[in-house]
Structure formats: C-alpha cells, structure tokens
Amino acid sequence: MRDFAKIRARAAERKGGEAVLSSLLGPVADNRALAKVPDDRILSTMAERVFAAGFVWRVIEQKWPGFEEAFLGFEPKRLLFQPDDFWHELASDSRIVRNPQKIRSVRDNAAFVEQVSKEHGGFGKFLAEWPADDQVGLTAYLGKHGSRLGGNTGQYLLRWLGWDTFILSRDMILALRDAGLDIGEAASSKKDLARIQWQINEWAAATGLPRAHISRILSMSVGVNRPADELRAYMDE
C-alpha cells in the first residue's frame, strides 16, 4: 500500500497547497457528543438524508422547515401515535416532496429510532457507544434495521449527524485502488468493505487523523480536480 503521506501530498498539490487542503477537511467529529442529540433530531436527519438521496439536496434544504411542520417536529412517539389517514394525507402535502415510499420510511424509521432509544437510553447514545473503528458494522446495522438507510445514505446520515465517517464516493474508491488496496470497482462486497475498514483504521492509527479527513484527502487526490471554492460550497450544503 502507498504511504498516506504521499497521498496527502498529491491531494495538497492538486488543491494549491497544504493550507488550502486543510481548509477543505471540515471540523473534527466527536462521536461521543451524539449521546446528547435528542431522538427527534436523529429522525429529522434520517428523513433529510432519505429525501435527499437521488434528489437535488438544495431543494430539500430549502423546503425543510415545511418538512418539520408536516412531520410534527419528527418526534418519534408523536408520529407513531398518528392514524393511517395522517400518513395518506402527507402524500398530497405541498410542504414536502410528495414521495409515498419516502414518506412511509419516516414512519418506519420513527419506530426504529424509538426501539433503539428504549434499548440504549437514546438513539444518539447508541451511536456514541458504537466502536469508531467499525463504521462498516454500523452502516450495515442501519441498512438492515432502518428504512432506506443502506449504502451511501447511511454513510451520509452518520456524516451529517457528526459521527466520524468515511464516504465511499467514486473518487475515494478510485484512490484506494490506486494506492494498492485489492477491492472491486464498486467496493460493495463484504470482503471489500472489510478491507476498506481495515485500511482506513491503519491510516487513522498511523496519522492521528479523523476517518472523515482521511476520506476527504483520498477523494481529493484523484479524479476530477474540482476548485476549492466549489468543494467548500458542497460541504456547506
């Protein structure tokens, strides 16, 4: 495997120097802080990531106050108390994106959040206590027990909540393969994911960097060299 210092140097050169690269890495995530995040904010972020998947993120962001109103502040207990008519009417509610399958996922994820919260004293506490070196296991759990939280949606959910997360973007996978990691082009098999997790953990231990920063550096070291300002705008979405 290529030394990570060389990967970082290449990313810095592409972005115009180490100072510019560092400015694009984002804040350091604190997984433990999630223990204080209330369940309604967890469910809200779940819903936002589900509705944003395959859609224009900025449109979802602009409409989000309407989502909060329509879904009763995303309080799991309150939503689970609502009758079937409440959910049917949301399919014609102009305050939200009227996708029946994604609307149904909010109901399902309200039950998911409520169950996990009962078992762990809060969904945020459950996330805070999950081992930082087993993101693959956590995203698999979200995909299995949650609704529409598989694949990159689960990864973005963790990133948006503030869990130290790598995102398996096309460029990140390309960078890992270029560095010598034996994974497929899609990197979706259990074997590929285990190898990625192991390598990210190795680099995290060797460099002291958060896994999210390692992910971003990898992505910026290959592929289309997008301008720094464009990347900052993307990070702010």
C-alpha atoms as a PDB file:
ATOM      1  CA  MET A   1       0.000   0.000   0.000  1.00  0.00           C
ATOM      2  CA  ARG A   2       1.145   3.527  -0.773  1.00  0.00           C
ATOM      3  CA  ASP A   3       2.183   5.602   2.234  1.00  0.00           C
ATOM      4  CA  PHE A   4      -0.612   8.001   3.207  1.00  0.00           C
ATOM      5  CA  ALA A   5       1.808  10.930   3.371  1.00  0.00           C
ATOM      6  CA  LYS A   6       2.298  10.589  -0.382  1.00  0.00           C
ATOM      7  CA  ILE A   7      -1.447  10.531  -0.977  1.00  0.00           C
ATOM      8  CA  ARG A   8      -1.858  13.669   1.121  1.00  0.00           C
ATOM      9  CA  ALA A   9       0.991  15.409  -0.708  1.00  0.00           C
ATOM     10  CA  ARG A  10      -0.659  14.681  -4.044  1.00  0.00           C
ATOM     11  CA  ALA A  11      -4.005  15.997  -2.793  1.00  0.00           C
ATOM     12  CA  ALA A  12      -2.328  19.168  -1.487  1.00  0.00           C
ATOM     13  CA  GLU A  13      -0.576  19.744  -4.808  1.00  0.00           C
ATOM     14  CA  ARG A  14      -3.855  19.378  -6.698  1.00  0.00           C
ATOM     15  CA  LYS A  15      -5.662  21.836  -4.420  1.00  0.00           C
ATOM     16  CA  GLY A  16      -2.998  24.521  -4.328  1.00  0.00           C
ATOM     17  CA  GLY A  17      -1.079  23.701  -1.178  1.00  0.00           C
ATOM     18  CA  GLU A  18      -1.367  22.181   2.270  1.00  0.00           C
ATOM     19  CA  ALA A  19      -3.155  25.206   3.734  1.00  0.00           C
ATOM     20  CA  VAL A  20      -5.927  25.002   1.119  1.00  0.00           C
ATOM     21  CA  LEU A  21      -6.231  21.246   1.565  1.00  0.00           C
ATOM     22  CA  SER A  22      -6.512  21.598   5.350  1.00  0.00           C
ATOM     23  CA  SER A  23      -9.257  24.178   4.933  1.00  0.00           C
ATOM     24  CA  LEU A  24     -11.294  21.628   2.977  1.00  0.00           C
ATOM     25  CA  LEU A  25     -11.224  18.860   5.579  1.00  0.00           C
ATOM     26  CA  GLY A  26     -14.021  20.139   7.795  1.00  0.00           C
ATOM     27  CA  PRO A  27     -14.316  20.018  11.583  1.00  0.00           C
ATOM     28  CA  VAL A  28     -13.138  17.102  13.700  1.00  0.00           C
ATOM     29  CA  ALA A  29     -16.110  14.913  14.555  1.00  0.00           C
ATOM     30  CA  ASP A  30     -16.770  13.904  18.155  1.00  0.00           C
ATOM     31  CA  ASN A  31     -18.742  10.667  18.230  1.00  0.00           C
ATOM     32  CA  ARG A  32     -19.297  10.983  21.978  1.00  0.00           C
ATOM     33  CA  ALA A  33     -21.207  14.244  21.501  1.00  0.00           C
ATOM     34  CA  LEU A  34     -24.000  12.332  19.774  1.00  0.00           C
ATOM     35  CA  ALA A  35     -25.085  10.971  23.157  1.00  0.00           C
ATOM     36  CA  LYS A  36     -26.768  14.337  23.774  1.00  0.00           C
ATOM     37  CA  VAL A  37     -28.595  14.534  20.427  1.00  0.00           C
ATOM     38  CA  PRO A  38     -32.343  14.020  21.006  1.00  0.00           C
ATOM     39  CA  ASP A  39     -34.270  11.394  19.080  1.00  0.00           C
ATOM     40  CA  ASP A  40     -36.316  13.924  17.106  1.00  0.00           C
ATOM     41  CA  ARG A  41     -33.117  15.419  15.628  1.00  0.00           C
ATOM     42  CA  ILE A  42     -31.859  11.943  14.773  1.00  0.00           C
ATOM     43  CA  LEU A  43     -35.106  11.134  12.954  1.00  0.00           C
ATOM     44  CA  SER A  44     -35.131  14.527  11.246  1.00  0.00           C
ATOM     45  CA  THR A  45     -31.637  13.947   9.868  1.00  0.00           C
ATOM     46  CA  MET A  46     -32.582  10.424   8.789  1.00  0.00           C
ATOM     47  CA  ALA A  47     -35.545  11.792   6.872  1.00  0.00           C
ATOM     48  CA  GLU A  48     -33.495  14.587   5.320  1.00  0.00           C
ATOM     49  CA  ARG A  49     -30.885  12.143   4.023  1.00  0.00           C
ATOM     50  CA  VAL A  50     -33.545   9.761   2.710  1.00  0.00           C
ATOM     51  CA  PHE A  51     -35.406  12.503   0.856  1.00  0.00           C
ATOM     52  CA  ALA A  52     -32.139  13.975  -0.457  1.00  0.00           C
ATOM     53  CA  ALA A  53     -31.000  10.646  -1.926  1.00  0.00           C
ATOM     54  CA  GLY A  54     -31.311  10.853  -5.708  1.00  0.00           C
ATOM     55  CA  PHE A  55     -32.710  14.398  -5.452  1.00  0.00           C
ATOM     56  CA  VAL A  56     -31.320  17.933  -5.518  1.00  0.00           C
ATOM     57  CA  TRP A  57     -30.043  18.468  -1.974  1.00  0.00           C
ATOM     58  CA  ARG A  58     -30.528  22.230  -2.053  1.00  0.00           C
ATOM     59  CA  VAL A  59     -34.241  21.840  -2.828  1.00  0.00           C
ATOM     60  CA  ILE A  60     -34.688  19.565   0.187  1.00  0.00           C
ATOM     61  CA  GLU A  61     -32.765  22.029   2.369  1.00  0.00           C
ATOM     62  CA  GLN A  62     -34.948  24.946   1.235  1.00  0.00           C
ATOM     63  CA  LYS A  63     -38.156  23.041   1.915  1.00  0.00           C
ATOM     64  CA  TRP A  64     -37.029  21.603   5.248  1.00  0.00           C
ATOM     65  CA  PRO A  65     -38.982  23.985   7.517  1.00  0.00           C
ATOM     66  CA  GLY A  66     -42.097  22.664   5.789  1.00  0.00           C
ATOM     67  CA  PHE A  67     -40.964  19.093   6.404  1.00  0.00           C
ATOM     68  CA  GLU A  68     -40.528  19.871  10.098  1.00  0.00           C
ATOM     69  CA  GLU A  69     -44.094  21.193  10.289  1.00  0.00           C
ATOM     70  CA  ALA A  70     -45.632  18.381   8.261  1.00  0.00           C
ATOM     71  CA  PHE A  71     -43.883  15.654  10.265  1.00  0.00           C
ATOM     72  CA  LEU A  72     -44.696  17.203  13.673  1.00  0.00           C
ATOM     73  CA  GLY A  73     -41.113  18.088  14.520  1.00  0.00           C
ATOM     74  CA  PHE A  74     -40.061  14.477  13.879  1.00  0.00           C
ATOM     75  CA  GLU A  75     -40.921  13.405  17.420  1.00  0.00           C
ATOM     76  CA  PRO A  76     -40.980   9.588  17.133  1.00  0.00           C
ATOM     77  CA  LYS A  77     -43.624   8.952  19.812  1.00  0.00           C
ATOM     78  CA  ARG A  78     -45.957  11.580  18.393  1.00  0.00           C
ATOM     79  CA  LEU A  79     -45.589  10.282  14.845  1.00  0.00           C
ATOM     80  CA  LEU A  80     -46.193   6.685  15.870  1.00  0.00           C
ATOM     81  CA  PHE A  81     -49.438   7.786  17.543  1.00  0.00           C
ATOM     82  CA  GLN A  82     -50.825   9.178  14.272  1.00  0.00           C
ATOM     83  CA  PRO A  83     -53.532   7.244  12.380  1.00  0.00           C
ATOM     84  CA  ASP A  84     -53.173   5.939   8.844  1.00  0.00           C
ATOM     85  CA  ASP A  85     -55.081   8.954   7.464  1.00  0.00           C
ATOM     86  CA  PHE A  86     -52.305  11.270   8.669  1.00  0.00           C
ATOM     87  CA  TRP A  87     -49.762   9.423   6.532  1.00  0.00           C
ATOM     88  CA  HIS A  88     -52.038   9.179   3.496  1.00  0.00           C
ATOM     89  CA  GLU A  89     -52.652  12.936   3.574  1.00  0.00           C
ATOM     90  CA  LEU A  90     -48.919  13.663   3.565  1.00  0.00           C
ATOM     91  CA  ALA A  91     -48.758  12.256   0.034  1.00  0.00           C
ATOM     92  CA  SER A  92     -50.596  15.395  -1.140  1.00  0.00           C
ATOM     93  CA  ASP A  93     -48.968  17.891   1.244  1.00  0.00           C
ATOM     94  CA  SER A  94     -47.263  20.669  -0.734  1.00  0.00           C
ATOM     95  CA  ARG A  95     -44.919  21.482   2.173  1.00  0.00           C
ATOM     96  CA  ILE A  96     -42.853  18.386   1.419  1.00  0.00           C
ATOM     97  CA  VAL A  97     -41.599  16.320  -1.517  1.00  0.00           C
ATOM     98  CA  ARG A  98     -44.542  14.003  -2.090  1.00  0.00           C
ATOM     99  CA  ASN A  99     -42.832  10.651  -2.483  1.00  0.00           C
ATOM    100  CA  PRO A 100     -45.036   7.931  -0.902  1.00  0.00           C
ATOM    101  CA  GLN A 101     -42.189   5.467  -0.382  1.00  0.00           C
ATOM    102  CA  LYS A 102     -40.007   8.026   1.362  1.00  0.00           C
ATOM    103  CA  ILE A 103     -42.937   9.283   3.434  1.00  0.00           C
ATOM    104  CA  ARG A 104     -43.511   5.698   4.565  1.00  0.00           C
ATOM    105  CA  SER A 105     -39.848   5.433   5.517  1.00  0.00           C
ATOM    106  CA  VAL A 106     -40.312   8.227   8.075  1.00  0.00           C
ATOM    107  CA  ARG A 107     -42.969   6.154   9.816  1.00  0.00           C
ATOM    108  CA  ASP A 108     -40.775   3.060   9.732  1.00  0.00           C
ATOM    109  CA  ASN A 109     -37.717   4.958  10.960  1.00  0.00           C
ATOM    110  CA  ALA A 110     -39.728   6.540  13.772  1.00  0.00           C
ATOM    111  CA  ALA A 111     -40.360   3.001  15.024  1.00  0.00           C
ATOM    112  CA  PHE A 112     -36.684   2.127  14.500  1.00  0.00           C
ATOM    113  CA  VAL A 113     -35.461   5.169  16.448  1.00  0.00           C
ATOM    114  CA  GLU A 114     -37.977   4.562  19.227  1.00  0.00           C
ATOM    115  CA  GLN A 115     -36.969   0.919  19.646  1.00  0.00           C
ATOM    116  CA  VAL A 116     -33.222   1.599  19.695  1.00  0.00           C
ATOM    117  CA  SER A 117     -33.766   4.533  22.053  1.00  0.00           C
ATOM    118  CA  LYS A 118     -35.621   2.323  24.520  1.00  0.00           C
ATOM    119  CA  GLU A 119     -32.820  -0.241  24.448  1.00  0.00           C
ATOM    120  CA  HIS A 120     -29.918   2.204  24.812  1.00  0.00           C
ATOM    121  CA  GLY A 121     -31.320   5.247  26.593  1.00  0.00           C
ATOM    122  CA  GLY A 122     -31.370   7.305  23.391  1.00  0.00           C
ATOM    123  CA  PHE A 123     -30.524   6.691  19.753  1.00  0.00           C
ATOM    124  CA  GLY A 124     -27.712   9.229  20.000  1.00  0.00           C
ATOM    125  CA  LYS A 125     -26.221   7.311  22.909  1.00  0.00           C
ATOM    126  CA  PHE A 126     -26.361   4.131  20.806  1.00  0.00           C
ATOM    127  CA  LEU A 127     -24.368   5.873  18.076  1.00  0.00           C
ATOM    128  CA  ALA A 128     -21.918   7.396  20.551  1.00  0.00           C
ATOM    129  CA  GLU A 129     -21.129   3.989  22.026  1.00  0.00           C
ATOM    130  CA  TRP A 130     -20.593   2.204  18.713  1.00  0.00           C
ATOM    131  CA  PRO A 131     -16.852   1.499  18.154  1.00  0.00           C
ATOM    132  CA  ALA A 132     -15.276   4.174  15.957  1.00  0.00           C
ATOM    133  CA  ASP A 133     -13.250   1.542  14.092  1.00  0.00           C
ATOM    134  CA  ASP A 134     -16.365  -0.344  12.920  1.00  0.00           C
ATOM    135  CA  GLN A 135     -18.241   2.037  10.637  1.00  0.00           C
ATOM    136  CA  VAL A 136     -18.932  -0.849   8.254  1.00  0.00           C
ATOM    137  CA  GLY A 137     -20.751  -2.705  11.017  1.00  0.00           C
ATOM    138  CA  LEU A 138     -22.764   0.372  11.971  1.00  0.00           C
ATOM    139  CA  THR A 139     -23.856   1.165   8.427  1.00  0.00           C
ATOM    140  CA  ALA A 140     -24.807  -2.490   7.938  1.00  0.00           C
ATOM    141  CA  TYR A 141     -26.972  -2.254  11.074  1.00  0.00           C
ATOM    142  CA  LEU A 142     -28.649   0.918   9.824  1.00  0.00           C
ATOM    143  CA  GLY A 143     -29.280  -0.654   6.441  1.00  0.00           C
ATOM    144  CA  LYS A 144     -30.761  -3.817   7.940  1.00  0.00           C
ATOM    145  CA  HIS A 145     -32.961  -2.322  10.655  1.00  0.00           C
ATOM    146  CA  GLY A 146     -33.750   1.132   9.274  1.00  0.00           C
ATOM    147  CA  SER A 147     -35.767   2.077   6.201  1.00  0.00           C
ATOM    148  CA  ARG A 148     -33.908   3.261   3.083  1.00  0.00           C
ATOM    149  CA  LEU A 149     -30.720   3.770   5.115  1.00  0.00           C
ATOM    150  CA  GLY A 150     -28.492   1.394   3.177  1.00  0.00           C
ATOM    151  CA  GLY A 151     -25.490   2.249   1.000  1.00  0.00           C
ATOM    152  CA  ASN A 152     -24.287   5.833   0.856  1.00  0.00           C
ATOM    153  CA  THR A 153     -27.439   7.138   2.558  1.00  0.00           C
ATOM    154  CA  GLY A 154     -26.356   5.556   5.831  1.00  0.00           C
ATOM    155  CA  GLN A 155     -22.857   6.986   5.432  1.00  0.00           C
ATOM    156  CA  TYR A 156     -24.189  10.482   4.760  1.00  0.00           C
ATOM    157  CA  LEU A 157     -26.548  10.152   7.709  1.00  0.00           C
ATOM    158  CA  LEU A 158     -23.619   9.493  10.031  1.00  0.00           C
ATOM    159  CA  ARG A 159     -21.599  12.343   8.487  1.00  0.00           C
ATOM    160  CA  TRP A 160     -24.499  14.798   8.889  1.00  0.00           C
ATOM    161  CA  LEU A 161     -25.048  13.735  12.494  1.00  0.00           C
ATOM    162  CA  GLY A 162     -21.385  14.286  13.341  1.00  0.00           C
ATOM    163  CA  TRP A 163     -20.117  10.696  13.542  1.00  0.00           C
ATOM    164  CA  ASP A 164     -16.547  10.366  12.229  1.00  0.00           C
ATOM    165  CA  THR A 165     -17.422   8.858   8.855  1.00  0.00           C
ATOM    166  CA  PHE A 166     -15.713   7.988   5.601  1.00  0.00           C
ATOM    167  CA  ILE A 167     -17.839   8.260   2.461  1.00  0.00           C
ATOM    168  CA  LEU A 168     -17.326   5.653  -0.229  1.00  0.00           C
ATOM    169  CA  SER A 169     -17.520   8.056  -3.136  1.00  0.00           C
ATOM    170  CA  ARG A 170     -16.353   7.075  -6.585  1.00  0.00           C
ATOM    171  CA  ASP A 171     -13.151   9.098  -6.143  1.00  0.00           C
ATOM    172  CA  MET A 172     -12.398   7.580  -2.739  1.00  0.00           C
ATOM    173  CA  ILE A 173     -12.742   4.060  -4.112  1.00  0.00           C
ATOM    174  CA  LEU A 174     -10.541   5.012  -7.060  1.00  0.00           C
ATOM    175  CA  ALA A 175      -7.912   6.420  -4.697  1.00  0.00           C
ATOM    176  CA  LEU A 176      -7.918   3.260  -2.579  1.00  0.00           C
ATOM    177  CA  ARG A 177      -7.487   1.074  -5.649  1.00  0.00           C
ATOM    178  CA  ASP A 178      -4.732   3.368  -6.942  1.00  0.00           C
ATOM    179  CA  ALA A 179      -2.978   3.077  -3.564  1.00  0.00           C
ATOM    180  CA  GLY A 180      -2.906  -0.691  -3.960  1.00  0.00           C
ATOM    181  CA  LEU A 181      -5.934  -1.901  -1.979  1.00  0.00           C
ATOM    182  CA  ASP A 182      -7.367  -5.056  -3.556  1.00  0.00           C
ATOM    183  CA  ILE A 183     -11.043  -4.107  -3.901  1.00  0.00           C
ATOM    184  CA  GLY A 184     -13.542  -4.138  -6.743  1.00  0.00           C
ATOM    185  CA  GLU A 185     -14.617  -1.112  -8.746  1.00  0.00           C
ATOM    186  CA  ALA A 186     -17.896  -0.880  -6.830  1.00  0.00           C
ATOM    187  CA  ALA A 187     -16.329  -1.898  -3.481  1.00  0.00           C
ATOM    188  CA  SER A 188     -19.667  -3.219  -2.267  1.00  0.00           C
ATOM    189  CA  SER A 189     -18.911  -6.795  -1.192  1.00  0.00           C
ATOM    190  CA  LYS A 190     -18.422  -7.682   2.481  1.00  0.00           C
ATOM    191  CA  LYS A 191     -14.810  -8.571   1.714  1.00  0.00           C
ATOM    192  CA  ASP A 192     -14.189  -5.204   0.037  1.00  0.00           C
ATOM    193  CA  LEU A 193     -15.821  -3.283   2.875  1.00  0.00           C
ATOM    194  CA  ALA A 194     -13.796  -5.179   5.480  1.00  0.00           C
ATOM    195  CA  ARG A 195     -10.570  -4.382   3.617  1.00  0.00           C
ATOM    196  CA  ILE A 196     -11.515  -0.707   3.354  1.00  0.00           C
ATOM    197  CA  GLN A 197     -12.348  -0.507   7.057  1.00  0.00           C
ATOM    198  CA  TRP A 198      -9.054  -2.162   7.975  1.00  0.00           C
ATOM    199  CA  GLN A 199      -7.033   0.194   5.757  1.00  0.00           C
ATOM    200  CA  ILE A 200      -8.781   3.336   6.997  1.00  0.00           C
ATOM    201  CA  ASN A 201      -8.191   2.188  10.575  1.00  0.00           C
ATOM    202  CA  GLU A 202      -4.499   1.620   9.819  1.00  0.00           C
ATOM    203  CA  TRP A 203      -4.103   5.110   8.371  1.00  0.00           C
ATOM    204  CA  ALA A 204      -6.069   6.644  11.253  1.00  0.00           C
ATOM    205  CA  ALA A 205      -3.757   4.971  13.761  1.00  0.00           C
ATOM    206  CA  ALA A 206      -0.622   5.953  11.836  1.00  0.00           C
ATOM    207  CA  THR A 207      -1.550   9.587  11.165  1.00  0.00           C
ATOM    208  CA  GLY A 208      -3.852  10.500  14.047  1.00  0.00           C
ATOM    209  CA  LEU A 209      -6.301  11.910  11.506  1.00  0.00           C
ATOM    210  CA  PRO A 210     -10.069  11.534  11.813  1.00  0.00           C
ATOM    211  CA  ARG A 211     -11.515   8.991   9.388  1.00  0.00           C
ATOM    212  CA  ALA A 212     -13.596  11.711   7.748  1.00  0.00           C
ATOM    213  CA  HIS A 213     -10.428  13.677   6.954  1.00  0.00           C
ATOM    214  CA  ILE A 214      -8.745  10.589   5.528  1.00  0.00           C
ATOM    215  CA  SER A 215     -11.805  10.064   3.357  1.00  0.00           C
ATOM    216  CA  ARG A 216     -11.742  13.626   2.023  1.00  0.00           C
ATOM    217  CA  ILE A 217      -7.999  13.560   1.361  1.00  0.00           C
ATOM    218  CA  LEU A 218      -8.337  10.336  -0.599  1.00  0.00           C
ATOM    219  CA  SER A 219     -11.191  11.778  -2.657  1.00  0.00           C
ATOM    220  CA  MET A 220      -9.235  14.947  -3.455  1.00  0.00           C
ATOM    221  CA  SER A 221      -6.117  13.046  -4.512  1.00  0.00           C
ATOM    222  CA  VAL A 222      -7.619  11.623  -7.729  1.00  0.00           C
ATOM    223  CA  GLY A 223     -10.379  12.149 -10.264  1.00  0.00           C
ATOM    224  CA  VAL A 224     -11.734  15.478 -11.430  1.00  0.00           C
ATOM    225  CA  ASN A 225      -9.790  18.272  -9.718  1.00  0.00           C
ATOM    226  CA  ARG A 226     -12.646  20.473  -8.565  1.00  0.00           C
ATOM    227  CA  PRO A 227     -11.809  24.035  -7.438  1.00  0.00           C
ATOM    228  CA  ALA A 228     -11.571  24.641  -3.693  1.00  0.00           C
ATOM    229  CA  ASP A 229     -14.482  27.117  -3.713  1.00  0.00           C
ATOM    230  CA  GLU A 230     -16.738  24.553  -5.382  1.00  0.00           C
ATOM    231  CA  LEU A 231     -15.842  21.972  -2.747  1.00  0.00           C
ATOM    232  CA  ARG A 232     -16.496  24.444   0.084  1.00  0.00           C
ATOM    233  CA  ALA A 233     -19.948  25.173  -1.331  1.00  0.00           C
ATOM    234  CA  TYR A 234     -20.648  21.435  -1.464  1.00  0.00           C
ATOM    235  CA  MET A 235     -19.510  20.988   2.141  1.00  0.00           C
ATOM    236  CA  ASP A 236     -21.845  23.783   3.261  1.00  0.00           C
ATOM    237  CA  GLU A 237     -24.936  22.126   1.763  1.00  0.00           C
END
